[in-house]
């Protein structure tokens, strides 16, 4: 069990199909960055990129699940607020590119600890912290019931 104050740098990928006004899209985010911090009140995931979100859980798995729900909630809100695919795409890209400048130095320091001190996270693979972040927002012409599920995959940034 991790102790209070421990911070782990995470990279994540996220996929979700969404309905907007007159369009259906698939959003695929790759190599987003988040900082997983064990606090007194549970485990928090603070978005670094995207920087405008955070989520809490009683343990790391619950925090990651809540992070996925929060990410989905932001995308749904943007889909409801926009009138066109182009407007939605631009807002999602802007959101994903936001940097939480308050947590970015902590994320960089946590990556250094993983690389130099051999910090590990049980159950999480390691991926390069240097992989380029990207997001694609594509019109989806065909869809199925499996598109209702969002996917969030996390890895320890190394």
N, C-alpha and C. Protein backbone atom coordinates (compact mmCIF):
# COMPACT_ATOMS: atom_id res chain seq x y z
N UNK A 1 0.85 -1.19 0.00
CA UNK A 1 0.00 0.00 0.00
C UNK A 1 0.89 1.24 0.00
N UNK A 2 0.61 2.15 -0.89
CA UNK A 2 1.39 3.38 -0.98
C UNK A 2 1.04 4.30 0.20
N UNK A 3 1.93 5.20 0.51
CA UNK A 3 1.71 6.10 1.64
C UNK A 3 1.41 7.51 1.14
N UNK A 4 0.88 8.32 2.04
CA UNK A 4 0.54 9.70 1.71
C UNK A 4 1.76 10.44 1.18
N UNK A 5 1.54 11.22 0.14
CA UNK A 5 2.61 12.03 -0.43
C UNK A 5 3.29 11.41 -1.63
N UNK A 6 3.10 10.12 -1.85
CA UNK A 6 3.73 9.46 -2.99
C UNK A 6 3.08 9.99 -4.27
N UNK A 7 3.89 10.34 -5.25
CA UNK A 7 3.39 10.83 -6.53
C UNK A 7 3.95 9.97 -7.66
N UNK A 8 3.07 9.49 -8.52
CA UNK A 8 3.47 8.67 -9.65
C UNK A 8 3.10 9.39 -10.94
N UNK A 9 4.04 9.46 -11.89
CA UNK A 9 3.73 10.08 -13.17
C UNK A 9 3.05 9.05 -14.08
N UNK A 10 1.93 9.41 -14.62
CA UNK A 10 1.22 8.49 -15.51
C UNK A 10 1.10 9.08 -16.90
N UNK A 11 1.10 8.21 -17.89
CA UNK A 11 0.67 8.57 -19.24
C UNK A 11 -0.57 7.73 -19.51
N UNK A 12 -1.48 8.28 -20.27
CA UNK A 12 -2.72 7.55 -20.50
C UNK A 12 -3.19 7.72 -21.93
N UNK A 13 -3.96 6.73 -22.36
CA UNK A 13 -4.67 6.79 -23.63
C UNK A 13 -6.15 6.67 -23.32
N UNK A 14 -6.96 7.33 -24.11
CA UNK A 14 -8.38 7.39 -23.86
C UNK A 14 -9.11 7.32 -25.19
N UNK A 15 -10.21 6.55 -25.22
CA UNK A 15 -11.03 6.47 -26.43
C UNK A 15 -12.49 6.56 -26.02
N UNK A 16 -13.27 7.34 -26.79
CA UNK A 16 -14.69 7.47 -26.50
C UNK A 16 -15.43 7.91 -27.76
N UNK A 17 -16.59 7.31 -28.00
CA UNK A 17 -17.50 7.76 -29.06
C UNK A 17 -18.52 8.69 -28.43
N UNK A 18 -18.79 9.81 -29.10
CA UNK A 18 -19.72 10.81 -28.57
C UNK A 18 -20.67 11.30 -29.65
N UNK A 19 -21.84 11.68 -29.20
CA UNK A 19 -22.83 12.28 -30.09
C UNK A 19 -22.86 13.77 -29.84
N UNK A 20 -22.71 14.54 -30.91
CA UNK A 20 -22.84 15.98 -30.85
C UNK A 20 -24.09 16.39 -31.60
N UNK A 21 -24.26 17.66 -31.83
CA UNK A 21 -25.41 18.16 -32.58
C UNK A 21 -25.15 17.96 -34.06
N UNK A 22 -25.72 16.88 -34.61
CA UNK A 22 -25.57 16.58 -36.03
C UNK A 22 -24.33 15.79 -36.39
N UNK A 23 -23.61 15.26 -35.42
CA UNK A 23 -22.42 14.47 -35.73
C UNK A 23 -22.16 13.43 -34.63
N UNK A 24 -21.49 12.36 -35.06
CA UNK A 24 -21.01 11.34 -34.14
C UNK A 24 -19.50 11.28 -34.34
N UNK A 25 -18.75 11.32 -33.24
CA UNK A 25 -17.29 11.35 -33.35
C UNK A 25 -16.66 10.27 -32.47
N UNK A 26 -15.46 9.93 -32.83
CA UNK A 26 -14.61 9.11 -31.97
C UNK A 26 -13.41 9.96 -31.58
N UNK A 27 -13.21 10.07 -30.27
CA UNK A 27 -12.09 10.82 -29.73
C UNK A 27 -11.06 9.81 -29.24
N UNK A 28 -9.84 9.96 -29.71
CA UNK A 28 -8.73 9.11 -29.26
C UNK A 28 -7.60 10.01 -28.79
N UNK A 29 -7.32 9.95 -27.50
CA UNK A 29 -6.23 10.73 -26.91
C UNK A 29 -5.10 9.77 -26.58
N UNK A 30 -3.89 10.13 -26.96
CA UNK A 30 -2.74 9.28 -26.69
C UNK A 30 -1.66 10.05 -25.94
N UNK A 31 -1.12 9.40 -24.94
CA UNK A 31 -0.01 9.92 -24.14
C UNK A 31 -0.36 11.21 -23.40
N UNK A 32 -1.63 11.28 -22.92
CA UNK A 32 -1.95 12.34 -21.99
C UNK A 32 -1.11 12.14 -20.74
N UNK A 33 -0.98 13.17 -19.93
CA UNK A 33 -0.14 13.08 -18.73
C UNK A 33 -0.98 13.40 -17.50
N UNK A 34 -0.79 12.61 -16.45
CA UNK A 34 -1.48 12.84 -15.18
C UNK A 34 -0.53 12.49 -14.04
N UNK A 35 -0.76 13.12 -12.90
CA UNK A 35 0.03 12.84 -11.71
C UNK A 35 -0.89 12.17 -10.70
N UNK A 36 -0.51 10.99 -10.27
CA UNK A 36 -1.26 10.22 -9.29
C UNK A 36 -0.64 10.48 -7.92
N UNK A 37 -1.43 11.09 -7.02
CA UNK A 37 -0.90 11.49 -5.71
C UNK A 37 -1.75 10.87 -4.61
N UNK A 38 -1.07 10.23 -3.66
CA UNK A 38 -1.73 9.67 -2.49
C UNK A 38 -1.85 10.76 -1.44
N UNK A 39 -3.10 11.19 -1.20
CA UNK A 39 -3.39 12.26 -0.24
C UNK A 39 -4.06 11.64 0.99
N UNK A 40 -4.27 12.45 2.03
CA UNK A 40 -4.95 11.97 3.24
C UNK A 40 -6.37 11.49 2.95
N UNK A 41 -7.05 12.09 1.97
CA UNK A 41 -8.44 11.75 1.69
C UNK A 41 -8.61 10.76 0.55
N UNK A 42 -7.53 10.15 0.09
CA UNK A 42 -7.60 9.16 -0.98
C UNK A 42 -6.53 9.41 -2.03
N UNK A 43 -6.76 8.83 -3.18
CA UNK A 43 -5.82 8.95 -4.30
C UNK A 43 -6.40 9.92 -5.31
N UNK A 44 -5.60 10.90 -5.69
CA UNK A 44 -6.02 11.91 -6.67
C UNK A 44 -5.22 11.75 -7.95
N UNK A 45 -5.89 11.89 -9.07
CA UNK A 45 -5.23 12.00 -10.37
C UNK A 45 -5.45 13.43 -10.84
N UNK A 46 -4.34 14.15 -10.98
CA UNK A 46 -4.38 15.53 -11.46
C UNK A 46 -3.93 15.53 -12.91
N UNK A 47 -4.78 16.04 -13.78
CA UNK A 47 -4.40 16.14 -15.18
C UNK A 47 -3.27 17.14 -15.34
N UNK A 48 -2.24 16.75 -16.06
CA UNK A 48 -1.16 17.66 -16.43
C UNK A 48 -1.40 18.14 -17.86
N UNK A 49 -1.70 17.22 -18.75
CA UNK A 49 -2.17 17.49 -20.11
C UNK A 49 -3.22 16.43 -20.44
N UNK A 50 -4.48 16.68 -20.39
CA UNK A 50 -5.10 17.98 -20.20
C UNK A 50 -5.00 18.44 -18.75
N UNK A 51 -4.84 19.72 -18.60
CA UNK A 51 -4.62 20.27 -17.27
C UNK A 51 -5.87 20.70 -16.54
N UNK A 52 -7.00 20.68 -17.18
CA UNK A 52 -8.21 21.22 -16.57
C UNK A 52 -9.08 20.21 -15.87
N UNK A 53 -8.50 19.15 -15.30
CA UNK A 53 -9.34 18.16 -14.63
C UNK A 53 -8.56 17.41 -13.56
N UNK A 54 -9.32 16.85 -12.62
CA UNK A 54 -8.75 16.01 -11.56
C UNK A 54 -9.84 15.04 -11.14
N UNK A 55 -9.43 13.94 -10.53
CA UNK A 55 -10.39 12.94 -10.06
C UNK A 55 -9.82 12.26 -8.81
N UNK A 56 -10.73 11.81 -7.93
CA UNK A 56 -10.35 11.17 -6.69
C UNK A 56 -10.99 9.80 -6.56
N UNK A 57 -10.23 8.89 -5.93
CA UNK A 57 -10.75 7.56 -5.61
C UNK A 57 -10.15 7.07 -4.31
N UNK A 58 -10.70 6.00 -3.78
CA UNK A 58 -10.16 5.43 -2.55
C UNK A 58 -8.84 4.71 -2.78
N UNK A 59 -8.61 4.27 -4.03
CA UNK A 59 -7.34 3.63 -4.40
C UNK A 59 -7.01 4.05 -5.83
N UNK A 60 -5.87 3.59 -6.33
CA UNK A 60 -5.43 4.02 -7.66
C UNK A 60 -6.39 3.59 -8.75
N UNK A 61 -6.89 2.36 -8.69
CA UNK A 61 -7.81 1.87 -9.72
C UNK A 61 -9.10 2.70 -9.74
N UNK A 62 -9.63 3.01 -8.57
CA UNK A 62 -10.85 3.82 -8.50
C UNK A 62 -10.58 5.24 -9.00
N UNK A 63 -9.43 5.79 -8.69
CA UNK A 63 -9.09 7.14 -9.16
C UNK A 63 -8.97 7.16 -10.68
N UNK A 64 -8.38 6.11 -11.26
CA UNK A 64 -8.27 6.05 -12.72
C UNK A 64 -9.65 5.94 -13.36
N UNK A 65 -10.54 5.15 -12.77
CA UNK A 65 -11.90 5.01 -13.30
C UNK A 65 -12.64 6.35 -13.22
N UNK A 66 -12.47 7.05 -12.12
CA UNK A 66 -13.13 8.35 -11.96
C UNK A 66 -12.52 9.37 -12.93
N UNK A 67 -11.22 9.27 -13.19
CA UNK A 67 -10.56 10.14 -14.15
C UNK A 67 -11.17 9.95 -15.54
N UNK A 68 -11.42 8.68 -15.91
CA UNK A 68 -12.05 8.39 -17.21
C UNK A 68 -13.45 8.98 -17.26
N UNK A 69 -14.22 8.86 -16.17
CA UNK A 69 -15.57 9.44 -16.13
C UNK A 69 -15.50 10.96 -16.23
N UNK A 70 -14.53 11.56 -15.56
CA UNK A 70 -14.39 13.02 -15.61
C UNK A 70 -14.03 13.47 -17.02
N UNK A 71 -13.09 12.77 -17.66
CA UNK A 71 -12.70 13.08 -19.03
C UNK A 71 -13.93 12.98 -19.94
N UNK A 72 -14.69 11.91 -19.79
CA UNK A 72 -15.91 11.73 -20.59
C UNK A 72 -16.88 12.87 -20.34
N UNK A 73 -17.03 13.27 -19.09
CA UNK A 73 -17.95 14.36 -18.75
C UNK A 73 -17.57 15.66 -19.42
N UNK A 74 -16.27 15.96 -19.46
CA UNK A 74 -15.81 17.18 -20.14
C UNK A 74 -16.15 17.11 -21.62
N UNK A 75 -15.88 15.96 -22.24
CA UNK A 75 -16.16 15.81 -23.67
C UNK A 75 -17.65 15.93 -23.96
N UNK A 76 -18.49 15.33 -23.11
CA UNK A 76 -19.94 15.43 -23.30
C UNK A 76 -20.40 16.88 -23.18
N UNK A 77 -19.85 17.59 -22.22
CA UNK A 77 -20.22 19.00 -22.05
C UNK A 77 -19.84 19.81 -23.28
N UNK A 78 -18.64 19.56 -23.81
CA UNK A 78 -18.22 20.27 -25.02
C UNK A 78 -19.12 19.93 -26.20
N UNK A 79 -19.52 18.66 -26.30
CA UNK A 79 -20.42 18.24 -27.39
C UNK A 79 -21.77 18.94 -27.28
N UNK A 80 -22.25 19.14 -26.07
CA UNK A 80 -23.54 19.81 -25.87
C UNK A 80 -23.46 21.31 -26.16
N UNK A 81 -22.30 21.89 -25.93
CA UNK A 81 -22.15 23.34 -26.08
C UNK A 81 -21.84 23.78 -27.51
N UNK A 82 -21.44 22.85 -28.36
CA UNK A 82 -21.03 23.23 -29.71
C UNK A 82 -22.14 22.96 -30.72
N UNK A 83 -22.05 23.69 -31.83
CA UNK A 83 -23.07 23.57 -32.87
C UNK A 83 -22.55 22.86 -34.12
N UNK A 84 -21.25 22.59 -34.15
CA UNK A 84 -20.69 21.93 -35.34
C UNK A 84 -19.52 21.04 -34.95
N UNK A 85 -19.22 20.11 -35.86
CA UNK A 85 -18.07 19.24 -35.64
C UNK A 85 -16.78 20.04 -35.53
N UNK A 86 -16.58 21.01 -36.41
CA UNK A 86 -15.34 21.79 -36.39
C UNK A 86 -15.16 22.52 -35.06
N UNK A 87 -16.24 23.11 -34.55
CA UNK A 87 -16.16 23.81 -33.27
C UNK A 87 -15.82 22.82 -32.15
N UNK A 88 -16.47 21.65 -32.15
CA UNK A 88 -16.19 20.63 -31.14
C UNK A 88 -14.73 20.19 -31.21
N UNK A 89 -14.26 19.88 -32.42
CA UNK A 89 -12.87 19.42 -32.60
C UNK A 89 -11.89 20.45 -32.06
N UNK A 90 -12.12 21.71 -32.38
CA UNK A 90 -11.20 22.76 -31.93
C UNK A 90 -11.19 22.89 -30.41
N UNK A 91 -12.36 22.83 -29.79
CA UNK A 91 -12.43 22.93 -28.32
C UNK A 91 -11.79 21.73 -27.63
N UNK A 92 -11.98 20.54 -28.18
CA UNK A 92 -11.37 19.34 -27.59
C UNK A 92 -9.86 19.42 -27.70
N UNK A 93 -9.36 19.84 -28.83
CA UNK A 93 -7.90 19.97 -28.99
C UNK A 93 -7.34 21.00 -28.01
N UNK A 94 -8.03 22.11 -27.87
CA UNK A 94 -7.59 23.15 -26.94
C UNK A 94 -7.58 22.61 -25.50
N UNK A 95 -8.64 21.89 -25.13
CA UNK A 95 -8.72 21.28 -23.80
C UNK A 95 -7.56 20.30 -23.57
N UNK A 96 -7.31 19.42 -24.53
CA UNK A 96 -6.27 18.40 -24.38
C UNK A 96 -4.88 19.02 -24.29
N UNK A 97 -4.69 20.15 -24.95
CA UNK A 97 -3.38 20.80 -24.94
C UNK A 97 -3.13 21.68 -23.71
N UNK A 98 -4.18 21.92 -22.91
CA UNK A 98 -3.99 22.72 -21.69
C UNK A 98 -2.97 22.04 -20.78
N UNK A 99 -2.11 22.85 -20.17
CA UNK A 99 -1.11 22.34 -19.24
C UNK A 99 -1.40 22.87 -17.84
N UNK A 100 -1.41 21.97 -16.88
CA UNK A 100 -1.54 22.35 -15.48
C UNK A 100 -0.13 22.71 -15.02
N UNK A 101 0.19 24.01 -15.07
CA UNK A 101 1.55 24.45 -14.75
C UNK A 101 1.88 24.25 -13.27
N UNK A 102 0.86 24.11 -12.43
CA UNK A 102 1.10 23.85 -11.01
C UNK A 102 1.61 22.44 -10.75
N UNK A 103 1.14 21.47 -11.54
CA UNK A 103 1.54 20.07 -11.33
C UNK A 103 2.59 19.58 -12.33
N UNK A 104 2.85 20.32 -13.39
CA UNK A 104 3.82 19.86 -14.38
C UNK A 104 5.22 19.65 -13.78
N UNK A 105 5.74 20.56 -12.94
CA UNK A 105 7.06 20.30 -12.35
C UNK A 105 7.07 19.05 -11.46
N UNK A 106 5.97 18.79 -10.77
CA UNK A 106 5.88 17.58 -9.94
C UNK A 106 5.88 16.33 -10.82
N UNK A 107 5.21 16.41 -11.96
CA UNK A 107 5.18 15.28 -12.89
C UNK A 107 6.59 15.00 -13.42
N UNK A 108 7.29 16.06 -13.80
CA UNK A 108 8.67 15.92 -14.32
C UNK A 108 9.57 15.32 -13.24
N UNK A 109 9.43 15.78 -12.01
CA UNK A 109 10.23 15.23 -10.90
C UNK A 109 9.88 13.77 -10.64
N UNK A 110 8.61 13.42 -10.73
CA UNK A 110 8.20 12.03 -10.53
C UNK A 110 8.77 11.13 -11.64
N UNK A 111 8.82 11.62 -12.87
CA UNK A 111 9.43 10.86 -13.96
C UNK A 111 10.91 10.64 -13.66
N UNK A 112 11.59 11.68 -13.17
CA UNK A 112 13.01 11.54 -12.82
C UNK A 112 13.20 10.44 -11.78
N UNK A 113 12.31 10.39 -10.78
CA UNK A 113 12.41 9.36 -9.74
C UNK A 113 12.21 7.96 -10.31
N UNK A 114 11.29 7.83 -11.25
CA UNK A 114 11.07 6.54 -11.90
C UNK A 114 12.33 6.13 -12.65
N UNK A 115 12.91 7.04 -13.39
CA UNK A 115 14.08 6.73 -14.20
C UNK A 115 15.33 6.48 -13.36
N UNK A 116 15.57 7.34 -12.38
CA UNK A 116 16.83 7.26 -11.63
C UNK A 116 16.76 6.37 -10.40
N UNK A 117 15.59 6.33 -9.75
CA UNK A 117 15.46 5.58 -8.50
C UNK A 117 14.74 4.25 -8.68
N UNK A 118 14.28 3.97 -9.88
CA UNK A 118 13.63 2.69 -10.14
C UNK A 118 12.25 2.55 -9.52
N UNK A 119 11.54 3.66 -9.32
CA UNK A 119 10.19 3.60 -8.76
C UNK A 119 9.32 2.77 -9.70
N UNK A 120 8.51 1.90 -9.14
CA UNK A 120 7.60 1.04 -9.91
C UNK A 120 6.17 1.26 -9.44
N UNK A 121 5.22 0.87 -10.27
CA UNK A 121 3.81 0.90 -9.90
C UNK A 121 3.23 -0.48 -10.21
N UNK A 122 2.81 -1.15 -9.18
CA UNK A 122 2.29 -2.51 -9.33
C UNK A 122 1.09 -2.52 -10.27
N UNK A 123 1.15 -3.42 -11.25
CA UNK A 123 0.04 -3.58 -12.17
C UNK A 123 0.01 -2.63 -13.35
N UNK A 124 0.97 -1.71 -13.41
CA UNK A 124 1.00 -0.77 -14.53
C UNK A 124 2.25 -1.01 -15.37
N UNK A 125 2.09 -1.09 -16.68
CA UNK A 125 3.28 -1.16 -17.54
C UNK A 125 3.98 0.19 -17.53
N UNK A 126 5.19 0.22 -18.06
CA UNK A 126 5.91 1.49 -18.20
C UNK A 126 5.96 1.88 -19.67
N UNK A 127 5.72 3.15 -19.92
CA UNK A 127 5.84 3.72 -21.26
C UNK A 127 6.71 4.96 -21.18
N UNK A 128 7.29 5.32 -22.28
CA UNK A 128 8.16 6.49 -22.31
C UNK A 128 7.40 7.77 -21.99
N UNK A 129 7.94 8.54 -21.09
CA UNK A 129 7.37 9.85 -20.76
C UNK A 129 7.58 10.83 -21.90
N UNK A 130 8.48 10.51 -22.81
CA UNK A 130 8.82 11.40 -23.91
C UNK A 130 7.98 11.19 -25.17
N UNK A 131 7.08 10.21 -25.13
CA UNK A 131 6.24 9.95 -26.31
C UNK A 131 5.38 11.19 -26.59
N UNK A 132 5.23 11.53 -27.85
CA UNK A 132 4.45 12.74 -28.17
C UNK A 132 2.97 12.55 -27.86
N UNK A 133 2.38 13.60 -27.28
CA UNK A 133 0.94 13.59 -27.02
C UNK A 133 0.22 13.90 -28.32
N UNK A 134 -0.93 13.27 -28.50
CA UNK A 134 -1.75 13.61 -29.66
C UNK A 134 -3.19 13.24 -29.38
N UNK A 135 -4.07 13.87 -30.10
CA UNK A 135 -5.49 13.58 -29.99
C UNK A 135 -6.08 13.62 -31.38
N UNK A 136 -6.95 12.65 -31.67
CA UNK A 136 -7.66 12.66 -32.94
C UNK A 136 -9.15 12.71 -32.64
N UNK A 137 -9.85 13.48 -33.42
CA UNK A 137 -11.29 13.63 -33.31
C UNK A 137 -11.81 13.42 -34.73
N UNK A 138 -12.43 12.27 -34.95
CA UNK A 138 -12.85 11.90 -36.29
C UNK A 138 -14.36 11.66 -36.34
N UNK A 139 -14.97 12.05 -37.44
CA UNK A 139 -16.38 11.73 -37.69
C UNK A 139 -16.48 10.21 -37.79
N UNK A 140 -17.47 9.66 -37.14
CA UNK A 140 -17.66 8.21 -37.13
C UNK A 140 -18.88 7.90 -37.98
N UNK A 141 -18.66 7.21 -39.10
CA UNK A 141 -19.75 6.91 -40.03
C UNK A 141 -20.51 5.66 -39.61
N UNK A 142 -19.83 4.72 -38.99
CA UNK A 142 -20.47 3.48 -38.55
C UNK A 142 -20.14 3.28 -37.07
N UNK A 143 -21.09 2.76 -36.34
CA UNK A 143 -20.88 2.56 -34.92
C UNK A 143 -21.70 1.37 -34.45
N UNK A 144 -21.35 0.87 -33.26
CA UNK A 144 -22.02 -0.30 -32.69
C UNK A 144 -22.17 -0.10 -31.19
N UNK A 145 -22.80 -1.05 -30.54
CA UNK A 145 -23.04 -0.96 -29.10
C UNK A 145 -21.74 -0.87 -28.31
N UNK A 146 -20.65 -1.42 -28.83
CA UNK A 146 -19.38 -1.36 -28.10
C UNK A 146 -18.84 0.07 -28.03
N UNK A 147 -19.34 0.95 -28.88
CA UNK A 147 -18.90 2.34 -28.85
C UNK A 147 -19.41 3.08 -27.62
N UNK A 148 -20.35 2.50 -26.89
CA UNK A 148 -20.85 3.12 -25.68
C UNK A 148 -19.82 3.13 -24.55
N UNK A 149 -18.84 2.27 -24.64
CA UNK A 149 -17.83 2.15 -23.58
C UNK A 149 -16.67 3.09 -23.86
N UNK A 150 -16.21 3.75 -22.80
CA UNK A 150 -14.97 4.52 -22.94
C UNK A 150 -13.83 3.63 -22.47
N UNK A 151 -12.67 3.94 -22.95
CA UNK A 151 -11.49 3.18 -22.56
C UNK A 151 -10.44 4.14 -22.04
N UNK A 152 -9.86 3.79 -20.91
CA UNK A 152 -8.74 4.53 -20.38
C UNK A 152 -7.67 3.52 -20.02
N UNK A 153 -6.52 3.66 -20.64
CA UNK A 153 -5.38 2.80 -20.35
C UNK A 153 -4.30 3.68 -19.74
N UNK A 154 -3.76 3.25 -18.61
CA UNK A 154 -2.74 4.03 -17.92
C UNK A 154 -1.44 3.24 -17.86
N UNK A 155 -0.35 3.96 -17.82
CA UNK A 155 0.97 3.37 -17.67
C UNK A 155 1.83 4.33 -16.86
N UNK A 156 2.83 3.77 -16.20
CA UNK A 156 3.79 4.58 -15.46
C UNK A 156 4.71 5.24 -16.46
N UNK A 157 4.85 6.55 -16.36
CA UNK A 157 5.73 7.30 -17.28
C UNK A 157 7.17 7.10 -16.85
N UNK A 158 7.99 6.68 -17.78
CA UNK A 158 9.40 6.43 -17.47
C UNK A 158 10.28 7.08 -18.52
